[in-house]
Amino acid sequence: MKNNKAQDLRKIIQYVFLGITMVIVILLIDGILCSAHGFCPYSSVCFGVMKLNPGFAKLLYPISVIIGLLIVITSIFWGRRFCGYICPFGTAQEIIYNLNPRSKKKKPLHIPVWLHKLLNSLKYIIMFITILAAFRSMQYVYMKFCPVLAVSHPQNITIASIIILFVIFIVGYLVNRFWCRYLCPYAALMNVFQYIGKILHIKSNRIHASEEHCLDCRLCSKCCPMQIVIHEEKRVENVNCIFCLKCLQSCPVENGIVLDKKSMKNK
């Protein structure tokens, strides 16, 4: 019952932020608001990194840069809750995937482990490219692929951004949170900060599978949208965890899976 209430609260938070985002998108499309960059946390890279370039003095979109940095810094302590609670693309992918009849099955589609690990590295490569391009003041190159610009400035939509939206919403119908798992550079940035937290032995709130109560039914792993093998990890140190709480909700044993606040271990 307690886990269901936590899941309901998460849904409320998700839909509130999705609603706010839709209002902002409408205002951007109507021209009442000027630029989507001022509302995108990844501006911390797109424009914040430009400040590191000696030849660039002005910081563009300072509020979004500051908010974006705060989110990645707090991910050290709270993990990728931004992805599971606030990100509108994450929420939209969940809604779309739930339309897939397979999502109602006990064993949803999982990508082969070798391919899952290979695809997992893509978001780090994308992040590195975007940071390098921003430092060289060439972010306009990868902005053609930006899903934020695609939905908020459709009049300037490119073939590249159409492809990205196809991946997010069409491929996301088949594979839950495909974009979040494998392609989102902001997710990669949060993961990097979490790894820094591990190195510094900073205490972090994590999901913990109780060895005492666990039945080894593996339902937690089967329902995980990020394809984390929860029943093997016990304490979920995996930086890709978005705290969606589906594992808590699926567990047939009371207190079989709980949230704790112990230190993240180095892996």
Protein backbone atom coordinates (compact mmCIF):
# COMPACT_ATOMS: atom_id res chain seq x y z
CA MET A 1 0.00 0.00 0.00
CA LYS A 2 2.82 2.36 0.94
CA ASN A 3 4.60 1.67 -2.36
CA ASN A 4 1.40 2.36 -4.32
CA LYS A 5 1.06 5.74 -2.61
CA ALA A 6 4.65 6.59 -3.50
CA GLN A 7 3.98 5.60 -7.12
CA ASP A 8 0.80 7.70 -7.19
CA LEU A 9 2.72 10.71 -5.85
CA ARG A 10 5.36 10.21 -8.52
CA LYS A 11 2.67 10.16 -11.23
CA ILE A 12 1.19 13.39 -9.92
CA ILE A 13 4.60 15.09 -9.99
CA GLN A 14 5.24 13.77 -13.51
CA TYR A 15 1.93 15.04 -14.90
CA VAL A 16 2.29 18.42 -13.20
CA PHE A 17 5.68 19.00 -14.84
CA LEU A 18 4.42 17.60 -18.15
CA GLY A 19 1.54 20.08 -18.01
CA ILE A 20 3.90 22.96 -17.24
CA THR A 21 6.11 21.90 -20.13
CA MET A 22 3.16 21.79 -22.54
CA VAL A 23 2.18 25.33 -21.55
CA ILE A 24 5.75 26.53 -22.14
CA VAL A 25 5.87 24.75 -25.52
CA ILE A 26 2.60 26.41 -26.59
CA LEU A 27 3.95 29.82 -25.57
CA LEU A 28 7.15 29.15 -27.50
CA ILE A 29 5.26 28.08 -30.63
CA ASP A 30 3.05 31.19 -30.39
CA GLY A 31 6.14 33.38 -30.06
CA ILE A 32 5.14 34.71 -26.64
CA LEU A 33 8.34 33.19 -25.26
CA CYS A 34 11.49 33.57 -27.34
CA SER A 35 13.75 30.57 -26.90
CA ALA A 36 13.54 27.04 -25.56
CA HIS A 37 17.16 27.26 -24.41
CA GLY A 38 16.05 29.32 -21.43
CA PHE A 39 14.02 26.36 -20.14
CA CYS A 40 16.35 23.45 -20.99
CA PRO A 41 18.70 22.17 -18.27
CA TYR A 42 21.14 20.91 -20.91
CA SER A 43 21.89 24.56 -21.60
CA SER A 44 24.45 23.98 -18.86
CA VAL A 45 26.41 22.25 -21.62
CA CYS A 46 25.11 23.88 -24.79
CA PHE A 47 25.90 27.39 -23.53
CA GLY A 48 27.50 26.98 -20.12
CA VAL A 49 30.60 25.26 -21.54
CA MET A 50 31.11 28.23 -23.86
CA LYS A 51 32.09 30.24 -20.79
CA LEU A 52 35.15 28.00 -20.46
CA ASN A 53 36.36 29.17 -23.86
CA PRO A 54 38.77 32.12 -23.31
CA GLY A 55 37.41 33.75 -26.43
CA PHE A 56 33.84 33.88 -25.11
CA ALA A 57 32.99 36.20 -22.22
CA LYS A 58 29.18 36.38 -22.00
CA LEU A 59 27.15 33.65 -20.31
CA LEU A 60 23.93 33.02 -22.24
CA TYR A 61 20.78 31.75 -20.47
CA PRO A 62 22.32 31.94 -16.97
CA ILE A 63 19.18 30.71 -15.14
CA SER A 64 18.86 27.50 -17.18
CA VAL A 65 22.62 26.93 -16.91
CA ILE A 66 22.49 27.28 -13.11
CA ILE A 67 19.41 25.03 -12.82
CA GLY A 68 21.00 22.45 -15.11
CA LEU A 69 24.15 22.40 -12.99
CA LEU A 70 22.13 22.12 -9.77
CA ILE A 71 20.28 19.09 -11.14
CA VAL A 72 23.46 17.22 -12.06
CA ILE A 73 25.10 18.12 -8.72
CA THR A 74 22.09 16.92 -6.71
CA SER A 75 22.15 13.68 -8.72
CA ILE A 76 25.22 12.79 -6.66
CA PHE A 77 22.94 12.52 -3.62
CA TRP A 78 19.57 11.67 -5.18
CA GLY A 79 20.43 9.86 -8.39
CA ARG A 80 18.51 10.44 -11.61
CA ARG A 81 15.21 11.40 -10.02
CA PHE A 82 15.00 14.23 -12.55
CA CYS A 83 14.53 11.56 -15.25
CA GLY A 84 11.92 9.62 -13.28
CA TYR A 85 9.90 12.55 -11.96
CA ILE A 86 10.41 15.76 -13.91
CA CYS A 87 11.74 15.25 -17.45
CA PRO A 88 8.81 15.63 -19.89
CA PHE A 89 10.46 13.38 -22.47
CA GLY A 90 10.76 10.64 -19.89
CA THR A 91 7.10 10.99 -18.90
CA ALA A 92 6.00 11.08 -22.55
CA GLN A 93 7.94 7.89 -23.26
CA GLU A 94 6.28 6.14 -20.32
CA ILE A 95 2.84 7.16 -21.55
CA ILE A 96 3.57 5.99 -25.09
CA TYR A 97 5.12 2.70 -23.96
CA ASN A 98 2.08 2.01 -21.77
CA LEU A 99 0.00 2.02 -24.98
CA ASN A 100 1.97 -1.03 -26.08
CA PRO A 101 0.07 -4.22 -25.07
CA ARG A 102 3.40 -5.83 -24.20
CA SER A 103 3.87 -3.32 -21.38
CA LYS A 104 1.06 -5.05 -19.48
CA LYS A 105 2.85 -8.40 -19.57
CA LYS A 106 4.92 -9.61 -16.64
CA LYS A 107 7.97 -9.89 -18.87
CA PRO A 108 8.30 -6.77 -21.08
CA LEU A 109 10.70 -6.61 -24.02
CA HIS A 110 14.33 -6.56 -22.88
CA ILE A 111 17.24 -5.91 -25.21
CA PRO A 112 19.95 -8.63 -25.27
CA VAL A 113 22.54 -7.95 -22.57
CA TRP A 114 25.47 -7.56 -25.00
CA LEU A 115 23.53 -5.04 -27.09
CA HIS A 116 22.23 -3.26 -23.98
CA LYS A 117 25.80 -2.72 -22.75
CA LEU A 118 26.94 -1.55 -26.18
CA LEU A 119 24.08 0.93 -26.56
CA ASN A 120 24.65 2.20 -23.02
CA SER A 121 27.92 3.80 -24.11
CA LEU A 122 26.28 5.89 -26.84
CA LYS A 123 24.99 8.60 -24.51
CA TYR A 124 28.50 9.22 -23.18
CA ILE A 125 29.85 9.58 -26.70
CA ILE A 126 27.04 12.02 -27.53
CA MET A 127 27.72 13.98 -24.33
CA PHE A 128 31.43 14.25 -25.15
CA ILE A 129 30.67 15.46 -28.67
CA THR A 130 28.23 18.10 -27.41
CA ILE A 131 30.68 19.38 -24.78
CA LEU A 132 33.48 19.61 -27.33
CA ALA A 133 31.22 21.35 -29.85
CA ALA A 134 29.98 23.84 -27.23
CA PHE A 135 33.55 24.67 -26.21
CA ARG A 136 34.29 25.40 -29.86
CA SER A 137 31.05 27.43 -30.12
CA MET A 138 29.75 24.92 -32.66
CA GLN A 139 26.69 23.66 -30.78
CA TYR A 140 24.54 24.65 -33.74
CA VAL A 141 25.76 21.41 -35.37
CA TYR A 142 24.18 19.04 -32.85
CA MET A 143 21.22 21.33 -32.13
CA LYS A 144 19.80 20.07 -35.41
CA PHE A 145 19.20 16.83 -33.52
CA CYS A 146 17.82 18.52 -30.39
CA PRO A 147 14.35 17.17 -29.43
CA VAL A 148 13.67 20.23 -27.25
CA LEU A 149 14.02 22.57 -30.22
CA ALA A 150 12.03 20.21 -32.43
CA VAL A 151 8.91 20.31 -30.24
CA SER A 152 9.15 23.96 -29.19
CA HIS A 153 10.15 25.51 -32.53
CA PRO A 154 8.47 23.25 -35.12
CA GLN A 155 8.80 25.96 -37.77
CA ASN A 156 12.55 25.31 -37.75
CA ILE A 157 12.36 21.54 -37.56
CA THR A 158 15.03 19.58 -39.45
CA ILE A 159 15.19 16.06 -40.85
CA ALA A 160 17.68 15.23 -38.11
CA SER A 161 15.31 16.32 -35.35
CA ILE A 162 12.46 14.39 -36.98
CA ILE A 163 14.64 11.27 -36.78
CA ILE A 164 15.33 11.93 -33.09
CA LEU A 165 11.62 12.42 -32.35
CA PHE A 166 10.93 9.18 -34.21
CA VAL A 167 13.42 7.39 -31.96
CA ILE A 168 11.95 8.92 -28.79
CA PHE A 169 8.30 8.31 -29.54
CA ILE A 170 8.14 5.43 -32.03
CA VAL A 171 11.06 3.30 -30.86
CA GLY A 172 10.00 4.27 -27.34
CA TYR A 173 6.69 2.51 -28.03
CA LEU A 174 8.61 -0.74 -28.48
CA VAL A 175 11.40 -0.29 -25.89
CA ASN A 176 10.59 1.54 -22.69
CA ARG A 177 12.60 4.78 -22.30
CA PHE A 178 14.93 4.03 -25.20
CA TRP A 179 16.07 7.67 -25.34
CA CYS A 180 16.69 7.84 -21.57
CA ARG A 181 18.67 4.62 -21.56
CA TYR A 182 20.94 5.02 -24.53
CA LEU A 183 20.96 8.44 -26.17
CA CYS A 184 20.25 11.29 -23.73
CA PRO A 185 23.47 13.29 -23.13
CA TYR A 186 22.02 14.95 -20.03
CA ALA A 187 21.46 11.51 -18.52
CA ALA A 188 25.12 10.75 -19.26
CA LEU A 189 26.15 13.97 -17.50
CA MET A 190 24.16 13.02 -14.39
CA ASN A 191 25.78 9.59 -14.47
CA VAL A 192 29.25 11.14 -14.60
CA PHE A 193 28.48 13.20 -11.51
CA GLN A 194 27.20 10.09 -9.76
CA TYR A 195 30.47 8.32 -10.55
CA ILE A 196 32.30 11.28 -9.01
CA GLY A 197 30.14 10.86 -5.91
CA LYS A 198 31.15 7.18 -5.76
CA ILE A 199 34.83 8.04 -5.98
CA LEU A 200 34.45 10.58 -3.17
CA HIS A 201 32.38 8.11 -1.08
CA ILE A 202 29.48 10.55 -0.80
CA LYS A 203 26.37 9.12 0.85
CA SER A 204 23.47 8.69 -1.54
CA ASN A 205 19.86 7.59 -1.35
CA ARG A 206 19.48 4.29 -3.19
CA ILE A 207 17.02 1.44 -3.71
CA HIS A 208 17.84 -1.67 -1.69
CA ALA A 209 16.57 -5.22 -2.17
CA SER A 210 16.40 -6.88 1.23
CA GLU A 211 18.37 -10.14 1.40
CA GLU A 212 16.28 -11.13 4.40
CA HIS A 213 12.89 -10.77 2.72
CA CYS A 214 13.80 -11.33 -0.96
CA LEU A 215 12.13 -14.37 -2.57
CA ASP A 216 14.39 -14.18 -5.64
CA CYS A 217 11.27 -14.02 -7.82
CA ARG A 218 13.10 -11.50 -10.07
CA LEU A 219 9.94 -9.49 -10.74
CA CYS A 220 11.83 -6.32 -9.85
CA SER A 221 14.36 -6.90 -12.63
CA LYS A 222 11.69 -7.92 -15.16
CA CYS A 223 9.71 -4.71 -14.71
CA CYS A 224 12.67 -2.28 -14.58
CA PRO A 225 12.38 0.19 -17.50
CA MET A 226 16.14 0.78 -17.41
CA GLN A 227 16.86 -2.98 -17.60
CA ILE A 228 18.80 -3.03 -14.32
CA VAL A 229 19.35 -6.49 -12.83
CA ILE A 230 18.03 -5.49 -9.41
CA HIS A 231 17.81 -8.96 -7.88
CA GLU A 232 21.56 -9.42 -8.40
CA GLU A 233 22.66 -5.97 -7.29
CA LYS A 234 20.68 -5.97 -4.02
CA ARG A 235 21.72 -2.37 -3.32
CA VAL A 236 21.01 -0.70 -6.67
CA GLU A 237 24.25 1.16 -7.28
CA ASN A 238 23.54 1.36 -11.01
CA VAL A 239 23.71 5.05 -11.98
CA ASN A 240 20.98 4.53 -14.59
CA CYS A 241 18.31 4.00 -11.92
CA ILE A 242 15.61 6.68 -12.32
CA PHE A 243 13.74 5.81 -9.09
CA CYS A 244 10.53 5.02 -10.94
CA LEU A 245 9.61 2.72 -8.01
CA LYS A 246 8.25 0.02 -10.32
CA CYS A 247 10.47 -2.50 -8.56
CA LEU A 248 8.97 -1.56 -5.19
CA GLN A 249 5.48 -1.84 -6.63
CA SER A 250 6.15 -5.23 -8.24
CA CYS A 251 7.67 -6.84 -5.14
CA PRO A 252 5.21 -9.37 -3.63
CA VAL A 253 6.85 -9.12 -0.19
CA GLU A 254 6.40 -6.22 2.21
CA ASN A 255 9.74 -4.43 2.67
CA GLY A 256 11.29 -6.71 0.07
CA ILE A 257 12.58 -3.60 -1.69
CA VAL A 258 13.06 -0.31 0.14
CA LEU A 259 14.82 3.03 -0.15
CA ASP A 260 17.85 3.53 2.05
CA LYS A 261 20.46 6.21 2.51
CA LYS A 262 23.69 4.30 2.71
CA SER A 263 26.89 5.08 0.90
CA MET A 264 27.28 4.13 -2.72
CA LYS A 265 29.92 1.47 -3.17
CA ASN A 266 32.55 1.58 -5.85
CA LYS A 267 32.05 -1.01 -8.51
